[in-house]
Amino acid sequence: MEIPVKYMLTDLIKSKTKDGKPFFRAIMCDKEGSRKNGIMFESDKLDFEPENGQIVEAIGVLQTYSGQEQLKINSLRLIIDADPADFLPKKAGLDPEVLFAELTEILIENINDEHLTQLLDAFLSDNNSVALFKKMPAAKSVHHAYMSGLLEHTLSMVKISVMLGDFYKDTVNKEHLLIGALFHDIGKIKELQAGTGLEYTDSGKLLGHLVLGVELMNSYISGINGFPDELKYLLNHLILSHHGQLEFGSPKKPKTPEAFILHHLDDMDAKLNTFNSIFEKEGTEKGWSGYDRLLERKLFKHM
């Protein structure tokens, strides 16, 4: 007997087969935070219209399509009394309040410049942005794609930035690097929304989190008397260049030591999180994972 499972529908795409019959594809998110590709044919026979954010009870068969696992849905029922928050991806043991307290302590301890202190204070006083920052994932997929993933990623970046800023103290302005680590992905609080599924906002699709992050940072800077123009441009450059290459979305390549470090830290932390996600998803205790198309390799877990 097939057991029905509850999922949230996200990334819904409705289409028709070659013979004109309607079907849909969707990402199916369960309460454990796992995500499956789902497909249902003859969706016009349902007694409701599928939409993003709906909670449904599905019965289907797992199959492989184009090298990826896919749930072929045979029956689907709409659930009207479920809490969508239960179906957003989460990481066990992640406490955003603890992480944010640690982040704040590190930044206050290491930032002494008058203007940067005021910039930090402006962000910490922005209750709405801080609340979003605490709960937002770092991405829909790829890395830190779970609630509070953005905060976890940022804290990692800040902690490593302290060490590298001290090690390269003759070359790197540690305080600039720390502010860059804090703000590099801050635009994601406006790029993504995490209400009923993880979706991109209109501004996220049109502008992206690099531009949105610069806009938010500059809104704080505009309220600080005498903030130096050169400092503003250096900090803006950290955000705009942190993807490293034009083809990866950065309008500028890193051109300062701090920007160079920030790019490589971001790339490293994101990819190591992807390693862990792949091992967890596949249940790899030791040995090789399957081939990952994003990283273009199989991964070896040895500890």
Foldseek 3Di string as FASTA:
>chain_A
DFDWFKWFWAPKDWDADPVGWIKIWTWTFHLQQDTAIEIETNVVPDPDDDDGLWIKIFTFDWDADPRGIYTYTDDIGTDDPDALVSRFHADPPDDLVVLVVVLVVLLVVPDDDPLLVLLVVLVVPPVVLVVLQSFQALDCDQFSNGTRSNSVLLSQQLVVLVVVCVVPVVADDSNLLNLLSNQLQSLVSQQWDPRRGTDGDPCCVVPNSLVSSLVVSVVSSVVDPPDDPVSNVSSNQLNQALCQDVVSRRPDHDDGPSSVVNNVSSVVSSVVRSVVVQCVVQVPPFAWGDADPVVRGIDGDDD
